[in-house]
C-alpha atoms as a PDB file:
ATOM      1  CA  UNK A   1     142.072 121.445 -32.423  1.00  0.00           C
ATOM      2  CA  UNK A   2     138.779 119.620 -32.204  1.00  0.00           C
ATOM      3  CA  UNK A   3     138.210 117.123 -34.984  1.00  0.00           C
ATOM      4  CA  UNK A   4     141.829 117.150 -36.183  1.00  0.00           C
ATOM      5  CA  UNK A   5     143.702 113.874 -36.181  1.00  0.00           C
ATOM      6  CA  UNK A   6     147.021 113.912 -34.347  1.00  0.00           C
ATOM      7  CA  UNK A   7     150.197 112.683 -36.014  1.00  0.00           C
ATOM      8  CA  UNK A   8     153.518 112.105 -34.274  1.00  0.00           C
ATOM      9  CA  UNK A   9     156.609 112.979 -36.336  1.00  0.00           C
ATOM     10  CA  UNK A  10     159.956 111.441 -35.356  1.00  0.00           C
ATOM     11  CA  UNK A  11     162.826 113.068 -37.241  1.00  0.00           C
ATOM     12  CA  UNK A  12     166.261 114.009 -35.928  1.00  0.00           C
ATOM     13  CA  UNK A  13     167.163 116.443 -38.721  1.00  0.00           C
ATOM     14  CA  UNK A  14     165.814 119.774 -37.458  1.00  0.00           C
ATOM     15  CA  UNK A  15     164.993 121.365 -40.822  1.00  0.00           C
ATOM     16  CA  UNK A  16     163.376 118.227 -42.215  1.00  0.00           C
ATOM     17  CA  UNK A  17     161.367 117.857 -38.999  1.00  0.00           C
ATOM     18  CA  UNK A  18     160.089 121.416 -39.470  1.00  0.00           C
ATOM     19  CA  UNK A  19     159.189 120.701 -43.121  1.00  0.00           C
ATOM     20  CA  UNK A  20     157.287 117.521 -42.192  1.00  0.00           C
ATOM     21  CA  UNK A  21     155.453 119.314 -39.404  1.00  0.00           C
ATOM     22  CA  UNK A  22     154.469 122.208 -41.696  1.00  0.00           C
ATOM     23  CA  UNK A  23     153.229 119.900 -44.466  1.00  0.00           C
ATOM     24  CA  UNK A  24     151.025 117.943 -42.078  1.00  0.00           C
ATOM     25  CA  UNK A  25     149.780 121.025 -40.219  1.00  0.00           C
ATOM     26  CA  UNK A  26     148.903 122.718 -43.513  1.00  0.00           C
ATOM     27  CA  UNK A  27     146.934 119.577 -44.437  1.00  0.00           C
ATOM     28  CA  UNK A  28     144.845 119.920 -41.271  1.00  0.00           C
ATOM     29  CA  UNK A  29     146.572 117.508 -38.903  1.00  0.00           C
ATOM     30  CA  UNK A  30     147.578 118.264 -35.328  1.00  0.00           C
ATOM     31  CA  UNK A  31     151.300 117.473 -35.124  1.00  0.00           C
ATOM     32  CA  UNK A  32     153.777 116.769 -32.348  1.00  0.00           C
ATOM     33  CA  UNK A  33     157.444 116.326 -33.249  1.00  0.00           C
ATOM     34  CA  UNK A  34     160.342 114.668 -31.447  1.00  0.00           C
ATOM     35  CA  UNK A  35     163.910 113.828 -32.442  1.00  0.00           C
ATOM     36  CA  UNK A  36     164.411 110.374 -30.892  1.00  0.00           C
ATOM     37  CA  UNK A  37     162.721 107.011 -30.696  1.00  0.00           C
ATOM     38  CA  UNK A  38     162.844 107.164 -26.928  1.00  0.00           C
ATOM     39  CA  UNK A  39     160.911 110.449 -26.883  1.00  0.00           C
ATOM     40  CA  UNK A  40     158.433 109.041 -29.404  1.00  0.00           C
ATOM     41  CA  UNK A  41     157.662 106.012 -27.257  1.00  0.00           C
ATOM     42  CA  UNK A  42     157.206 108.195 -24.200  1.00  0.00           C
ATOM     43  CA  UNK A  43     154.490 110.116 -26.057  1.00  0.00           C
ATOM     44  CA  UNK A  44     152.939 107.153 -27.870  1.00  0.00           C
ATOM     45  CA  UNK A  45     152.686 104.927 -24.823  1.00  0.00           C
ATOM     46  CA  UNK A  46     152.644 107.268 -21.855  1.00  0.00           C
ATOM     47  CA  UNK A  47     151.499 110.596 -23.225  1.00  0.00           C
ATOM     48  CA  UNK A  48     148.136 112.324 -23.047  1.00  0.00           C
ATOM     49  CA  UNK A  49     147.532 112.498 -26.807  1.00  0.00           C
ATOM     50  CA  UNK A  50     145.970 109.711 -28.830  1.00  0.00           C
ATOM     51  CA  UNK A  51     147.813 109.664 -32.131  1.00  0.00           C
ATOM     52  CA  UNK A  52     146.177 108.556 -35.372  1.00  0.00           C
ATOM     53  CA  UNK A  53     149.477 107.899 -37.178  1.00  0.00           C
ATOM     54  CA  UNK A  54     153.249 107.883 -36.871  1.00  0.00           C
ATOM     55  CA  UNK A  55     155.667 109.458 -39.358  1.00  0.00           C
ATOM     56  CA  UNK A  56     159.203 108.348 -38.561  1.00  0.00           C
ATOM     57  CA  UNK A  57     162.657 108.416 -40.017  1.00  0.00           C
ATOM     58  CA  UNK A  58     164.272 104.986 -39.932  1.00  0.00           C
ATOM     59  CA  UNK A  59     167.659 106.166 -38.641  1.00  0.00           C
ATOM     60  CA  UNK A  60     167.361 108.211 -35.453  1.00  0.00           C
ATOM     61  CA  UNK A  61     169.566 109.535 -32.683  1.00  0.00           C
ATOM     62  CA  UNK A  62     169.642 107.365 -29.605  1.00  0.00           C
ATOM     63  CA  UNK A  63     169.421 103.616 -29.418  1.00  0.00           C
ATOM     64  CA  UNK A  64     166.016 103.102 -31.031  1.00  0.00           C
ATOM     65  CA  UNK A  65     165.360 103.132 -34.772  1.00  0.00           C
ATOM     66  CA  UNK A  66     162.114 103.991 -36.496  1.00  0.00           C
ATOM     67  CA  UNK A  67     161.595 100.238 -36.964  1.00  0.00           C
ATOM     68  CA  UNK A  68     161.867  99.799 -33.168  1.00  0.00           C
ATOM     69  CA  UNK A  69     159.350 102.557 -32.456  1.00  0.00           C
ATOM     70  CA  UNK A  70     156.854 101.103 -34.925  1.00  0.00           C
ATOM     71  CA  UNK A  71     157.249  97.586 -33.528  1.00  0.00           C
ATOM     72  CA  UNK A  72     156.596  98.815 -29.990  1.00  0.00           C
ATOM     73  CA  UNK A  73     153.463 100.764 -30.890  1.00  0.00           C
ATOM     74  CA  UNK A  74     152.279  97.838 -32.991  1.00  0.00           C
ATOM     75  CA  UNK A  75     152.459  95.610 -29.907  1.00  0.00           C
ATOM     76  CA  UNK A  76     149.541  97.690 -28.617  1.00  0.00           C
ATOM     77  CA  UNK A  77     147.795  98.243 -31.969  1.00  0.00           C
ATOM     78  CA  UNK A  78     148.838  95.848 -34.762  1.00  0.00           C
ATOM     79  CA  UNK A  79     147.373  98.056 -37.508  1.00  0.00           C
ATOM     80  CA  UNK A  80     148.672 101.420 -36.319  1.00  0.00           C
ATOM     81  CA  UNK A  81     149.431 103.531 -39.444  1.00  0.00           C
ATOM     82  CA  UNK A  82     153.139 104.213 -39.959  1.00  0.00           C
ATOM     83  CA  UNK A  83     154.848 106.264 -42.660  1.00  0.00           C
ATOM     84  CA  UNK A  84     158.587 105.660 -42.839  1.00  0.00           C
ATOM     85  CA  UNK A  85     160.677 108.539 -44.189  1.00  0.00           C
ATOM     86  CA  UNK A  86     164.146 107.399 -45.169  1.00  0.00           C
ATOM     87  CA  UNK A  87     167.059 107.748 -47.490  1.00  0.00           C
ATOM     88  CA  UNK A  88     167.659 103.993 -47.138  1.00  0.00           C
ATOM     89  CA  UNK A  89     166.627 101.477 -49.729  1.00  0.00           C
ATOM     90  CA  UNK A  90     163.138 100.037 -50.029  1.00  0.00           C
ATOM     91  CA  UNK A  91     164.556  96.526 -49.604  1.00  0.00           C
ATOM     92  CA  UNK A  92     165.053  97.193 -45.909  1.00  0.00           C
ATOM     93  CA  UNK A  93     161.381  98.219 -45.589  1.00  0.00           C
ATOM     94  CA  UNK A  94     160.250  95.064 -47.387  1.00  0.00           C
ATOM     95  CA  UNK A  95     162.415  92.896 -45.128  1.00  0.00           C
ATOM     96  CA  UNK A  96     160.816  94.386 -42.007  1.00  0.00           C
ATOM     97  CA  UNK A  97     157.378  93.001 -43.018  1.00  0.00           C
ATOM     98  CA  UNK A  98     155.468  96.031 -41.791  1.00  0.00           C
ATOM     99  CA  UNK A  99     151.763  95.913 -42.669  1.00  0.00           C
ATOM    100  CA  UNK A 100     149.700  99.115 -42.912  1.00  0.00           C
ATOM    101  CA  UNK A 101     152.754 101.237 -43.638  1.00  0.00           C
ATOM    102  CA  UNK A 102     154.172 103.257 -46.489  1.00  0.00           C
ATOM    103  CA  UNK A 103     157.785 104.119 -47.178  1.00  0.00           C
ATOM    104  CA  UNK A 104     158.488 107.587 -48.574  1.00  0.00           C
ATOM    105  CA  UNK A 105     162.034 108.091 -49.818  1.00  0.00           C
ATOM    106  CA  UNK A 106     164.047 111.224 -49.094  1.00  0.00           C
ATOM    107  CA  UNK A 107     164.076 113.769 -50.531  1.00  0.00           C
ATOM    108  CA  UNK A 108     160.328 113.990 -50.327  1.00  0.00           C
ATOM    109  CA  UNK A 109     157.659 116.462 -51.222  1.00  0.00           C
ATOM    110  CA  UNK A 110     154.912 117.639 -48.914  1.00  0.00           C
ATOM    111  CA  UNK A 111     152.193 116.242 -51.179  1.00  0.00           C
ATOM    112  CA  UNK A 112     153.704 112.729 -51.093  1.00  0.00           C
ATOM    113  CA  UNK A 113     153.882 112.777 -47.301  1.00  0.00           C
ATOM    114  CA  UNK A 114     150.321 114.019 -46.827  1.00  0.00           C
ATOM    115  CA  UNK A 115     149.025 111.510 -49.403  1.00  0.00           C
ATOM    116  CA  UNK A 116     150.780 108.643 -47.589  1.00  0.00           C
ATOM    117  CA  UNK A 117     149.317 109.588 -44.203  1.00  0.00           C
ATOM    118  CA  UNK A 118     145.841 110.143 -45.640  1.00  0.00           C
ATOM    119  CA  UNK A 119     145.928 106.843 -47.521  1.00  0.00           C
ATOM    120  CA  UNK A 120     146.776 104.875 -44.392  1.00  0.00           C
ATOM    121  CA  UNK A 121     144.177 106.657 -42.296  1.00  0.00           C
ATOM    122  CA  UNK A 122     141.450 106.300 -44.893  1.00  0.00           C
ATOM    123  CA  UNK A 123     142.091 102.586 -45.412  1.00  0.00           C
ATOM    124  CA  UNK A 124     142.597 101.586 -41.807  1.00  0.00           C
ATOM    125  CA  UNK A 125     140.540  98.576 -40.863  1.00  0.00           C
ATOM    126  CA  UNK A 126     139.171  98.827 -37.319  1.00  0.00           C
ATOM    127  CA  UNK A 127     140.384  96.007 -35.049  1.00  0.00           C
ATOM    128  CA  UNK A 128     137.896  93.215 -34.506  1.00  0.00           C
ATOM    129  CA  UNK A 129     136.796  92.310 -31.012  1.00  0.00           C
END
């Protein structure tokens, strides 16, 4: 796994989660997947892996949404790359004012997902001290 960037996938639809994981793994990323926002935050904030990006559905099981997960991780790193995967409208994404993110509408293809993650990672501006 050395040299591979880790991506956390948050998707509560089992088959879509498996498709997202396969697309990212095939593209060379190390991937962890969870089904809830609560589990995602446990890994992002308290886990042993340093993730390079988050891929999250907007609507999740549990009390937290994908918006909530992104906001919490962005409290620690304001430019953390986030790809939102949703069947909801793009207007909701625009209203959330989420910099350094991309919204990919469902149904999605593997190439679109991988391109979105790669774009965010390749254009990430390091935080200034």
